[in-house]
Amino acid sequence: MEDSLDGVGGMSDNYANDDLYAVDSGESIGWIDFLNLSEEDVLRFNFADVDIVFEFYQQYAKHHGFGVRRSRSEKRGEVRIRQEFVCHRQGYRSLKFYSMPNRQKRPRAETRCGCPARMLHRMDDESGCWHVAYFSDAHNHHVLELRFSSILPGHQRMSEADIEQMNNMGKGGIGILRIHDFMASLAGEHHNVTYTTRDMHNVNTKQRKEGGLDVESCLRYLRECKANDPAMYYKEVVDGEGVLQHLFWCDSSCQIDYQVFGDVVAFDATYKKNVYLSPLVVFSGVNHHNQTVVFAAALVADEKEETYV
């Protein structure tokens, strides 16, 4: 069992049998007027599960200019029966982070200031619903205006619809900055967009690594090149799980250059300068104008002898 939460406060008597304050899904939260909720109103809510509770408190915090995070919880066996959520500035940073030996970088700016604002929820044994047992919105720091709340890390998120819209616009060659501006125009203002351009880049990177979008786009491009240049040659090597390991390519111009100027071939591996940390191998030579010409190129997963062969 984790740290006990006894003695934090009593459960409000106002919540009982009030269907207006029953929240059974994330969609229900969208209808709540958080700006005009009083502390008495908050104490009357009950929730279907603890994840909906956290979503509720996140939305409350966003409308009131602060971030939230999960804190202590209590279990009975394997079942969680209490959960506390706190302001993102609750507590203090441990002193060990300032006294770490051989620190290469300065510690990040301190953000925690012991803020006492928090919300405690308790599960009712009979109904299984979660009720607000204690709530305090007293902060010991300035909170942000609503239009700036989305810049707090806890409120930066992209919905599935936004990700799909970004992907579709990206396929059309539109850059991240212009896509973000477009999303802001749809939302009314930039502060209404709940994510930054950095978040969009992070989503793109995650998709590429998990879904192989870079590989798919690359092979599609090579197929299109071969359709226009039948003499072009490329070959990919995948492992047992279908993950691309090596890729070699050269078009007809490269092959002609090799036939004419291939007496001397320079072999160079540009070492892991790309996002996948794969060496880029370039085969090149010099033409009759003393200019560098590329004969072929390859991306490899390793630099073993059999790979190069």
Protein backbone atom coordinates (compact mmCIF):
# COMPACT_ATOMS: atom_id res chain seq x y z
CA MET A 1 0.00 0.00 0.00
CA GLU A 2 1.28 3.46 -0.86
CA ASP A 3 1.36 6.41 1.54
CA SER A 4 -1.90 6.69 3.48
CA LEU A 5 -4.13 9.68 2.74
CA ASP A 6 -6.19 9.55 5.95
CA GLY A 7 -6.94 12.81 7.65
CA VAL A 8 -6.95 14.89 4.50
CA GLY A 9 -10.59 15.91 4.76
CA GLY A 10 -14.14 14.69 4.83
CA MET A 11 -16.34 13.79 1.87
CA SER A 12 -18.88 16.41 0.92
CA ASP A 13 -22.52 15.58 1.69
CA ASN A 14 -23.71 17.51 -1.36
CA TYR A 15 -22.84 15.03 -4.07
CA ALA A 16 -25.32 12.30 -3.28
CA ASN A 17 -28.02 11.41 -5.81
CA ASP A 18 -27.36 14.48 -7.95
CA ASP A 19 -27.29 13.27 -11.56
CA LEU A 20 -26.34 16.73 -12.79
CA TYR A 21 -22.92 16.22 -11.24
CA ALA A 22 -22.36 12.64 -12.42
CA VAL A 23 -19.58 12.41 -15.03
CA ASP A 24 -19.39 9.04 -16.75
CA SER A 25 -17.26 9.85 -19.82
CA GLY A 26 -14.69 12.24 -21.19
CA GLU A 27 -17.31 13.69 -23.54
CA SER A 28 -19.41 14.77 -20.54
CA ILE A 29 -16.54 16.95 -19.33
CA GLY A 30 -16.78 19.12 -22.44
CA TRP A 31 -20.17 20.46 -21.30
CA ILE A 32 -18.92 21.74 -17.94
CA ASP A 33 -18.49 25.50 -17.46
CA PHE A 34 -15.19 25.36 -15.56
CA LEU A 35 -14.76 29.13 -15.39
CA ASN A 36 -17.86 29.50 -13.24
CA LEU A 37 -17.44 26.45 -11.01
CA SER A 38 -17.29 27.20 -7.30
CA GLU A 39 -15.49 25.01 -4.76
CA GLU A 40 -18.91 23.88 -3.53
CA ASP A 41 -19.79 22.79 -7.07
CA VAL A 42 -16.57 20.80 -7.43
CA LEU A 43 -17.29 18.90 -4.22
CA ARG A 44 -20.62 17.69 -5.65
CA PHE A 45 -19.15 15.84 -8.65
CA ASN A 46 -18.82 12.07 -8.89
CA PHE A 47 -17.04 10.12 -11.63
CA ALA A 48 -17.15 6.73 -13.29
CA ASP A 49 -13.42 6.04 -12.92
CA VAL A 50 -10.17 7.67 -11.84
CA ASP A 51 -8.99 8.47 -15.38
CA ILE A 52 -12.09 10.62 -15.93
CA VAL A 53 -11.32 12.29 -12.60
CA PHE A 54 -7.85 13.22 -13.85
CA GLU A 55 -9.27 14.58 -17.13
CA PHE A 56 -11.76 16.68 -15.14
CA TYR A 57 -9.06 18.19 -12.94
CA GLN A 58 -6.83 18.84 -15.97
CA GLN A 59 -9.62 20.79 -17.65
CA TYR A 60 -10.34 22.67 -14.45
CA ALA A 61 -6.65 23.54 -14.10
CA LYS A 62 -6.39 24.67 -17.72
CA HIS A 63 -9.29 27.08 -17.28
CA HIS A 64 -7.77 28.43 -14.07
CA GLY A 65 -4.19 28.85 -15.26
CA PHE A 66 -2.18 26.03 -13.73
CA GLY A 67 -1.05 22.47 -14.47
CA VAL A 68 -1.71 19.27 -12.55
CA ARG A 69 -0.08 15.91 -11.92
CA ARG A 70 -0.88 12.71 -10.09
CA SER A 71 0.40 12.43 -6.52
CA ARG A 72 -0.17 9.92 -3.72
CA SER A 73 -2.62 7.04 -4.01
CA GLU A 74 -3.87 4.28 -1.77
CA LYS A 75 -4.84 0.72 -2.64
CA ARG A 76 -6.82 -2.03 -1.01
CA GLY A 77 -5.16 -5.13 -2.38
CA GLU A 78 -4.92 -4.52 -6.14
CA VAL A 79 -7.77 -2.02 -6.20
CA ARG A 80 -7.03 1.70 -5.98
CA ILE A 81 -9.42 3.37 -3.55
CA ARG A 82 -7.93 6.87 -3.20
CA GLN A 83 -6.04 9.17 -5.54
CA GLU A 84 -4.66 12.64 -4.97
CA PHE A 85 -4.00 15.18 -7.73
CA VAL A 86 -1.91 18.27 -7.08
CA CYS A 87 -0.84 21.51 -8.73
CA HIS A 88 2.23 21.06 -10.92
CA ARG A 89 4.12 23.40 -8.57
CA GLN A 90 3.41 21.31 -5.47
CA GLY A 91 6.37 20.17 -3.38
CA TYR A 92 10.04 21.06 -3.80
CA ARG A 93 12.86 19.70 -5.88
CA SER A 94 15.06 17.23 -4.04
CA LEU A 95 18.40 18.63 -2.91
CA LYS A 96 20.21 15.71 -4.53
CA PHE A 97 19.62 17.28 -7.94
CA TYR A 98 21.76 20.24 -6.90
CA SER A 99 24.58 18.17 -5.40
CA MET A 100 25.05 15.55 -8.13
CA PRO A 101 28.77 14.92 -8.73
CA ASN A 102 30.31 15.55 -12.16
CA ARG A 103 27.26 17.47 -13.38
CA GLN A 104 27.80 18.57 -16.98
CA LYS A 105 24.84 20.94 -17.23
CA ARG A 106 23.24 23.41 -14.89
CA PRO A 107 19.97 22.14 -13.36
CA ARG A 108 16.80 23.40 -14.93
CA ALA A 109 15.07 26.41 -13.38
CA GLU A 110 13.11 25.54 -10.26
CA THR A 111 9.35 25.46 -10.84
CA ARG A 112 8.06 23.92 -7.63
CA CYS A 113 7.22 26.20 -4.73
CA GLY A 114 5.22 23.99 -2.35
CA CYS A 115 1.82 24.98 -3.74
CA PRO A 116 -0.95 23.56 -1.49
CA ALA A 117 -3.70 23.37 -4.18
CA ARG A 118 -4.91 19.80 -4.60
CA MET A 119 -7.87 17.50 -5.08
CA LEU A 120 -8.41 14.16 -3.32
CA HIS A 121 -10.83 11.52 -4.63
CA ARG A 122 -12.16 8.44 -2.94
CA MET A 123 -13.93 5.44 -4.47
CA ASP A 124 -17.30 4.49 -3.02
CA ASP A 125 -17.29 0.79 -2.11
CA GLU A 126 -20.93 0.22 -3.01
CA SER A 127 -21.30 2.11 -6.30
CA GLY A 128 -17.68 2.05 -7.47
CA CYS A 129 -17.95 5.76 -8.32
CA TRP A 130 -15.26 8.26 -7.41
CA HIS A 131 -16.24 11.21 -5.23
CA VAL A 132 -14.39 14.39 -4.32
CA ALA A 133 -13.25 13.98 -0.72
CA TYR A 134 -11.21 17.19 -0.51
CA PHE A 135 -10.62 20.17 -2.77
CA SER A 136 -8.49 23.29 -2.39
CA ASP A 137 -7.83 25.88 -5.09
CA ALA A 138 -5.56 28.05 -2.94
CA HIS A 139 -2.26 28.67 -4.78
CA ASN A 140 0.84 30.34 -3.39
CA HIS A 141 1.94 31.53 -6.86
CA HIS A 142 0.51 33.47 -9.78
CA VAL A 143 -1.68 31.52 -12.17
CA LEU A 144 -1.86 32.18 -15.90
CA GLU A 145 -4.64 33.73 -17.91
CA LEU A 146 -6.74 31.22 -19.83
CA ARG A 147 -5.21 32.24 -23.17
CA PHE A 148 -1.75 31.24 -21.92
CA SER A 149 -2.69 27.98 -20.15
CA SER A 150 -2.05 25.82 -23.21
CA ILE A 151 1.70 26.51 -23.01
CA LEU A 152 1.95 24.55 -19.75
CA PRO A 153 3.42 21.09 -20.44
CA GLY A 154 0.47 19.24 -18.92
CA HIS A 155 -1.94 20.89 -21.34
CA GLN A 156 0.05 20.48 -24.55
CA ARG A 157 -1.54 17.66 -26.51
CA MET A 158 -2.59 16.80 -30.04
CA SER A 159 -5.89 15.06 -30.69
CA GLU A 160 -6.14 12.22 -33.20
CA ALA A 161 -8.05 14.55 -35.51
CA ASP A 162 -5.28 17.17 -35.33
CA ILE A 163 -2.62 14.54 -36.04
CA GLU A 164 -4.54 13.27 -39.06
CA GLN A 165 -4.99 16.84 -40.34
CA MET A 166 -1.26 17.50 -39.90
CA ASN A 167 -0.36 14.30 -41.76
CA ASN A 168 -2.68 15.11 -44.67
CA MET A 169 -1.30 18.63 -45.02
CA GLY A 170 2.25 17.32 -44.69
CA LYS A 171 1.68 14.97 -47.61
CA GLY A 172 0.86 18.05 -49.66
CA GLY A 173 4.26 19.53 -48.90
CA ILE A 174 3.07 22.06 -46.30
CA GLY A 175 5.55 22.80 -43.53
CA ILE A 176 4.94 22.45 -39.79
CA LEU A 177 4.92 26.22 -39.14
CA ARG A 178 2.26 26.87 -41.78
CA ILE A 179 0.19 23.92 -40.53
CA HIS A 180 0.32 25.33 -36.99
CA ASP A 181 -0.78 28.75 -38.29
CA PHE A 182 -3.67 27.07 -40.10
CA MET A 183 -4.73 25.23 -36.95
CA ALA A 184 -4.60 28.54 -35.05
CA SER A 185 -6.85 30.19 -37.64
CA LEU A 186 -9.38 27.39 -37.19
CA ALA A 187 -9.20 27.71 -33.39
CA GLY A 188 -9.48 31.50 -33.44
CA GLU A 189 -6.07 32.37 -31.97
CA HIS A 190 -2.71 30.71 -31.39
CA HIS A 191 -3.37 30.45 -27.65
CA ASN A 192 -6.36 28.21 -28.41
CA VAL A 193 -4.08 25.60 -30.00
CA THR A 194 -3.10 23.13 -27.28
CA TYR A 195 0.30 22.24 -28.77
CA THR A 196 3.38 23.92 -30.17
CA THR A 197 5.35 23.36 -33.35
CA ARG A 198 7.84 21.37 -31.27
CA ASP A 199 5.03 19.02 -30.20
CA MET A 200 4.14 18.57 -33.88
CA HIS A 201 7.75 17.71 -34.77
CA ASN A 202 7.82 15.23 -31.87
CA VAL A 203 4.66 13.53 -33.13
CA ASN A 204 6.15 13.32 -36.62
CA THR A 205 9.34 11.76 -35.27
CA LYS A 206 7.38 9.25 -33.18
CA GLN A 207 5.28 8.27 -36.19
CA ARG A 208 8.33 7.78 -38.36
CA LYS A 209 10.01 5.55 -35.81
CA GLU A 210 6.93 3.50 -34.97
CA GLY A 211 5.23 3.34 -38.33
CA GLY A 212 8.15 3.36 -40.73
CA LEU A 213 6.76 6.38 -42.59
CA ASP A 214 10.23 7.47 -43.71
CA VAL A 215 10.94 4.07 -45.23
CA GLU A 216 7.57 3.96 -46.94
CA SER A 217 8.06 7.43 -48.41
CA CYS A 218 11.60 6.65 -49.51
CA LEU A 219 10.69 3.42 -51.28
CA ARG A 220 7.70 5.07 -52.90
CA TYR A 221 9.97 7.83 -54.21
CA LEU A 222 12.44 5.27 -55.59
CA ARG A 223 9.63 3.39 -57.31
CA GLU A 224 8.46 6.62 -58.93
CA CYS A 225 12.03 7.36 -60.06
CA LYS A 226 12.35 3.89 -61.59
CA ALA A 227 9.04 4.39 -63.42
CA ASN A 228 10.56 7.44 -65.11
CA ASP A 229 14.05 5.91 -65.41
CA PRO A 230 13.83 2.16 -66.17
CA ALA A 231 17.61 1.77 -65.92
CA MET A 232 17.62 2.93 -62.31
CA TYR A 233 18.61 0.25 -59.79
CA TYR A 234 17.79 0.08 -56.09
CA LYS A 235 17.65 -2.69 -53.55
CA GLU A 236 16.53 -2.85 -49.94
CA VAL A 237 17.46 -5.47 -47.34
CA VAL A 238 15.14 -6.12 -44.38
CA ASP A 239 15.57 -8.25 -41.29
CA GLY A 240 13.33 -11.07 -40.06
CA GLU A 241 10.83 -8.59 -38.59
CA GLY A 242 10.55 -6.61 -41.80
CA VAL A 243 12.62 -3.66 -40.56
CA LEU A 244 14.78 -2.00 -43.21
CA GLN A 245 18.49 -2.59 -42.63
CA HIS A 246 20.27 -1.54 -45.83
CA LEU A 247 19.29 0.45 -48.92
CA PHE A 248 21.36 0.87 -52.12
CA TRP A 249 20.48 2.99 -55.16
CA CYS A 250 21.92 4.46 -58.38
CA ASP A 251 20.13 5.97 -61.38
CA SER A 252 21.01 5.75 -65.08
CA SER A 253 23.12 8.93 -64.99
CA CYS A 254 25.21 7.51 -62.16
CA GLN A 255 25.72 4.30 -64.13
CA ILE A 256 26.83 6.19 -67.25
CA ASP A 257 29.24 8.29 -65.18
CA TYR A 258 30.66 5.10 -63.69
CA GLN A 259 31.22 3.55 -67.12
CA VAL A 260 33.10 6.64 -68.30
CA PHE A 261 34.86 7.87 -65.16
CA GLY A 262 34.92 4.75 -62.98
CA ASP A 263 38.66 4.07 -63.27
CA VAL A 264 39.07 5.49 -59.76
CA VAL A 265 36.31 5.14 -57.19
CA ALA A 266 36.28 6.96 -53.85
CA PHE A 267 34.48 5.20 -51.03
CA ASP A 268 33.33 7.32 -48.08
CA ALA A 269 30.97 6.70 -45.20
CA THR A 270 29.39 9.79 -43.65
CA TYR A 271 29.12 8.58 -40.10
CA LYS A 272 25.63 8.59 -38.55
CA LYS A 273 24.66 12.16 -39.35
CA ASN A 274 20.94 11.34 -39.82
CA VAL A 275 18.12 10.84 -37.33
CA TYR A 276 18.39 7.03 -37.52
CA LEU A 277 22.15 7.03 -36.84
CA SER A 278 22.80 4.97 -39.98
CA PRO A 279 26.05 5.50 -41.94
CA LEU A 280 25.52 6.96 -45.41
CA VAL A 281 27.93 5.38 -47.91
CA VAL A 282 28.77 7.36 -51.06
CA PHE A 283 30.66 6.00 -54.09
CA SER A 284 32.13 8.86 -56.11
CA GLY A 285 34.74 9.77 -58.72
CA VAL A 286 36.04 12.70 -60.77
CA ASN A 287 34.97 13.60 -64.31
CA HIS A 288 37.01 15.24 -67.13
CA HIS A 289 36.26 18.69 -65.69
CA ASN A 290 37.77 17.68 -62.36
CA GLN A 291 34.29 17.72 -60.84
CA THR A 292 33.02 15.19 -58.31
CA VAL A 293 30.41 12.78 -59.63
CA VAL A 294 28.38 10.31 -57.58
CA PHE A 295 28.22 6.73 -58.84
CA ALA A 296 25.93 5.28 -56.16
CA ALA A 297 24.87 5.67 -52.52
CA ALA A 298 23.67 3.45 -49.71
CA LEU A 299 22.30 3.58 -46.18
CA VAL A 300 23.51 0.76 -43.94
CA ALA A 301 22.62 -0.37 -40.44
CA ASP A 302 26.17 -1.42 -39.58
CA GLU A 303 29.70 -1.46 -41.00
CA LYS A 304 30.42 -5.16 -41.08
CA GLU A 305 32.39 -6.62 -43.97
CA GLU A 306 29.44 -8.57 -45.36
CA THR A 307 27.33 -5.41 -45.30
CA TYR A 308 29.84 -3.54 -47.45
CA VAL A 309 30.24 -6.49 -49.81
